[in-house]
Every structure is written in C-alpha cells, then in structure tokens.
Amino acid sequence: MTRAEAQAHLDDALAQLSAARKAAGYGVGDMSKTSQALRDLQAEVDKWQRVVRDLDLASAGVSTTLGAVPRFR
C-alpha cells in the first residue's frame, strides 16, 4: 500500500466520523447505536493514522517495530 492510498482511506474515515458526529449532535438515530458507531469510526481513523505514520517513518528509514528482548538470569 502506498502512502497516498493510506491517506485516502484516512481522509474517507475522517469524513465519515465527522458526518456521524454531526448526525449524533442533531439526535438522529438510536443513541446506543450511534455511540457504538462513533467508537468504531474513531478506531478506523486511529488505524489509518497509524498506517500513514508508519509509512512516513518507513520512507524516512525509521523502523516501527518494537521488540522486547528477554533477559534470562
């Protein structure tokens, strides 16, 4: 996946989240379903922000892998 594709997904997710927040602000729909939808959309935005960030870091030559090294005593 390219950065442009990931950015397009992020932009789409942000637009959906914004529209859902506006609809929730006007009281459209069932509040429990609306709250869950907002959480799901925010998770989607977070995911695409991580992907874009990781692609940016990879293009800069920075590893995003976090590894733990076990230490035996």
N, C-alpha and C. Protein backbone atom coordinates (compact mmCIF):
# COMPACT_ATOMS: atom_id res chain seq x y z
N MET A 1 0.84 -1.18 0.00
CA MET A 1 0.00 0.00 0.00
C MET A 1 0.89 1.25 0.00
N THR A 2 0.49 2.20 -0.78
CA THR A 2 1.25 3.44 -0.84
C THR A 2 0.71 4.42 0.19
N ARG A 3 1.50 5.45 0.45
CA ARG A 3 1.08 6.47 1.41
C ARG A 3 -0.16 7.20 0.90
N ALA A 4 -0.23 7.43 -0.40
CA ALA A 4 -1.38 8.13 -0.98
C ALA A 4 -2.66 7.32 -0.78
N GLU A 5 -2.58 6.01 -0.94
CA GLU A 5 -3.75 5.16 -0.72
C GLU A 5 -4.17 5.19 0.75
N ALA A 6 -3.19 5.09 1.64
CA ALA A 6 -3.49 5.13 3.08
C ALA A 6 -4.08 6.48 3.47
N GLN A 7 -3.54 7.56 2.89
CA GLN A 7 -4.07 8.90 3.19
C GLN A 7 -5.49 9.03 2.69
N ALA A 8 -5.80 8.43 1.53
CA ALA A 8 -7.16 8.48 1.00
C ALA A 8 -8.12 7.74 1.95
N HIS A 9 -7.69 6.59 2.47
CA HIS A 9 -8.51 5.86 3.44
C HIS A 9 -8.71 6.70 4.70
N LEU A 10 -7.65 7.34 5.16
CA LEU A 10 -7.73 8.18 6.35
C LEU A 10 -8.69 9.34 6.13
N ASP A 11 -8.58 10.02 4.99
CA ASP A 11 -9.48 11.14 4.68
C ASP A 11 -10.93 10.69 4.65
N ASP A 12 -11.18 9.51 4.06
CA ASP A 12 -12.54 8.97 3.99
C ASP A 12 -13.06 8.66 5.40
N ALA A 13 -12.22 8.04 6.23
CA ALA A 13 -12.63 7.71 7.59
C ALA A 13 -12.91 8.98 8.40
N LEU A 14 -12.09 10.01 8.22
CA LEU A 14 -12.32 11.28 8.92
C LEU A 14 -13.63 11.92 8.48
N ALA A 15 -13.94 11.85 7.19
CA ALA A 15 -15.19 12.41 6.69
C ALA A 15 -16.39 11.66 7.26
N GLN A 16 -16.29 10.34 7.32
CA GLN A 16 -17.38 9.54 7.89
C GLN A 16 -17.57 9.86 9.38
N LEU A 17 -16.47 9.99 10.10
CA LEU A 17 -16.55 10.31 11.52
C LEU A 17 -17.18 11.68 11.74
N SER A 18 -16.78 12.64 10.93
CA SER A 18 -17.34 13.98 11.03
C SER A 18 -18.85 13.97 10.77
N ALA A 19 -19.26 13.26 9.74
CA ALA A 19 -20.69 13.18 9.42
C ALA A 19 -21.47 12.49 10.54
N ALA A 20 -20.89 11.45 11.11
CA ALA A 20 -21.57 10.73 12.20
C ALA A 20 -21.68 11.61 13.44
N ARG A 21 -20.64 12.39 13.71
CA ARG A 21 -20.69 13.29 14.87
C ARG A 21 -21.75 14.37 14.69
N LYS A 22 -21.88 14.88 13.46
CA LYS A 22 -22.90 15.88 13.20
C LYS A 22 -24.29 15.28 13.36
N ALA A 23 -24.48 14.06 12.86
CA ALA A 23 -25.78 13.40 12.99
C ALA A 23 -26.10 13.13 14.46
N ALA A 24 -25.09 12.74 15.24
CA ALA A 24 -25.31 12.49 16.67
C ALA A 24 -25.64 13.79 17.38
N GLY A 25 -25.05 14.88 16.95
CA GLY A 25 -25.31 16.18 17.56
C GLY A 25 -26.75 16.63 17.36
N TYR A 26 -27.35 16.20 16.25
CA TYR A 26 -28.74 16.55 15.99
C TYR A 26 -29.71 15.53 16.56
N GLY A 27 -29.17 14.51 17.22
CA GLY A 27 -30.03 13.49 17.82
C GLY A 27 -30.64 12.54 16.83
N VAL A 28 -29.99 12.31 15.71
CA VAL A 28 -30.51 11.41 14.68
C VAL A 28 -30.11 9.98 15.05
N GLY A 29 -31.07 9.10 15.11
CA GLY A 29 -30.79 7.69 15.35
C GLY A 29 -30.78 7.32 16.83
N ASP A 30 -30.69 6.02 17.07
CA ASP A 30 -30.64 5.47 18.41
C ASP A 30 -29.28 5.79 19.04
N MET A 31 -29.29 6.36 20.25
CA MET A 31 -28.05 6.82 20.87
C MET A 31 -27.07 5.69 21.15
N SER A 32 -27.54 4.50 21.54
CA SER A 32 -26.61 3.41 21.82
C SER A 32 -25.93 2.94 20.53
N LYS A 33 -26.69 2.89 19.45
CA LYS A 33 -26.10 2.52 18.16
C LYS A 33 -25.18 3.62 17.66
N THR A 34 -25.58 4.87 17.88
CA THR A 34 -24.76 6.00 17.45
C THR A 34 -23.44 6.03 18.20
N SER A 35 -23.49 5.78 19.51
CA SER A 35 -22.26 5.77 20.31
C SER A 35 -21.31 4.68 19.84
N GLN A 36 -21.85 3.50 19.56
CA GLN A 36 -21.02 2.40 19.07
C GLN A 36 -20.44 2.73 17.71
N ALA A 37 -21.24 3.32 16.85
CA ALA A 37 -20.76 3.69 15.51
C ALA A 37 -19.63 4.71 15.62
N LEU A 38 -19.78 5.68 16.53
CA LEU A 38 -18.72 6.67 16.71
C LEU A 38 -17.43 6.02 17.20
N ARG A 39 -17.55 5.07 18.13
CA ARG A 39 -16.35 4.37 18.62
C ARG A 39 -15.69 3.58 17.49
N ASP A 40 -16.52 2.91 16.67
CA ASP A 40 -15.98 2.13 15.56
C ASP A 40 -15.29 3.04 14.54
N LEU A 41 -15.91 4.16 14.23
CA LEU A 41 -15.32 5.09 13.27
C LEU A 41 -14.02 5.70 13.82
N GLN A 42 -13.99 6.00 15.11
CA GLN A 42 -12.77 6.54 15.71
C GLN A 42 -11.65 5.50 15.66
N ALA A 43 -11.99 4.24 15.88
CA ALA A 43 -10.99 3.17 15.80
C ALA A 43 -10.45 3.06 14.37
N GLU A 44 -11.33 3.24 13.40
CA GLU A 44 -10.90 3.20 11.99
C GLU A 44 -9.96 4.36 11.68
N VAL A 45 -10.29 5.55 12.17
CA VAL A 45 -9.42 6.72 11.98
C VAL A 45 -8.06 6.47 12.62
N ASP A 46 -8.07 5.95 13.85
CA ASP A 46 -6.81 5.67 14.55
C ASP A 46 -5.95 4.69 13.77
N LYS A 47 -6.61 3.65 13.21
CA LYS A 47 -5.88 2.64 12.44
C LYS A 47 -5.19 3.28 11.23
N TRP A 48 -5.93 4.09 10.48
CA TRP A 48 -5.35 4.69 9.28
C TRP A 48 -4.31 5.75 9.62
N GLN A 49 -4.46 6.42 10.76
CA GLN A 49 -3.42 7.36 11.18
C GLN A 49 -2.12 6.61 11.48
N ARG A 50 -2.23 5.44 12.11
CA ARG A 50 -1.04 4.63 12.38
C ARG A 50 -0.39 4.15 11.09
N VAL A 51 -1.22 3.72 10.13
CA VAL A 51 -0.67 3.25 8.85
C VAL A 51 0.08 4.37 8.14
N VAL A 52 -0.54 5.56 8.07
CA VAL A 52 0.11 6.70 7.41
C VAL A 52 1.41 7.05 8.14
N ARG A 53 1.36 7.09 9.47
CA ARG A 53 2.57 7.40 10.25
C ARG A 53 3.67 6.37 10.00
N ASP A 54 3.30 5.08 10.00
CA ASP A 54 4.28 4.03 9.78
C ASP A 54 4.89 4.11 8.38
N LEU A 55 4.06 4.44 7.38
CA LEU A 55 4.59 4.59 6.02
C LEU A 55 5.52 5.80 5.93
N ASP A 56 5.18 6.87 6.61
CA ASP A 56 6.06 8.04 6.64
C ASP A 56 7.40 7.70 7.28
N LEU A 57 7.34 6.99 8.40
CA LEU A 57 8.57 6.62 9.09
C LEU A 57 9.40 5.64 8.26
N ALA A 58 8.73 4.70 7.60
CA ALA A 58 9.45 3.73 6.77
C ALA A 58 10.15 4.43 5.61
N SER A 59 9.50 5.43 5.03
CA SER A 59 10.13 6.15 3.92
C SER A 59 11.32 6.97 4.40
N ALA A 60 11.32 7.31 5.70
CA ALA A 60 12.44 8.05 6.28
C ALA A 60 13.52 7.10 6.79
N GLY A 61 13.27 5.78 6.68
CA GLY A 61 14.26 4.81 7.10
C GLY A 61 14.21 4.47 8.58
N VAL A 62 13.10 4.78 9.22
CA VAL A 62 12.96 4.50 10.66
C VAL A 62 12.11 3.25 10.82
N SER A 63 12.58 2.32 11.64
CA SER A 63 11.84 1.09 11.91
C SER A 63 10.76 1.36 12.95
N THR A 64 9.57 0.82 12.71
CA THR A 64 8.48 1.00 13.67
C THR A 64 8.25 -0.26 14.50
N THR A 65 9.12 -1.24 14.32
CA THR A 65 8.98 -2.49 15.05
C THR A 65 9.50 -2.31 16.46
N LEU A 66 8.64 -2.61 17.40
CA LEU A 66 9.04 -2.56 18.80
C LEU A 66 9.22 -3.99 19.28
N GLY A 67 10.41 -4.32 19.62
CA GLY A 67 10.66 -5.69 20.07
C GLY A 67 11.20 -5.72 21.48
N ALA A 68 10.82 -6.73 22.20
CA ALA A 68 11.32 -6.91 23.56
C ALA A 68 12.37 -8.00 23.53
N VAL A 69 13.44 -7.78 24.22
CA VAL A 69 14.50 -8.78 24.30
C VAL A 69 14.44 -9.41 25.69
N PRO A 70 14.15 -10.71 25.73
CA PRO A 70 14.08 -11.35 27.04
C PRO A 70 15.46 -11.43 27.68
N ARG A 71 15.48 -11.24 28.96
CA ARG A 71 16.74 -11.34 29.70
C ARG A 71 16.60 -12.45 30.73
N PHE A 72 17.43 -13.44 30.56
CA PHE A 72 17.40 -14.56 31.49
C PHE A 72 18.51 -14.39 32.50
N ARG A 73 18.21 -14.65 33.74
CA ARG A 73 19.22 -14.53 34.80
C ARG A 73 19.61 -15.86 35.32
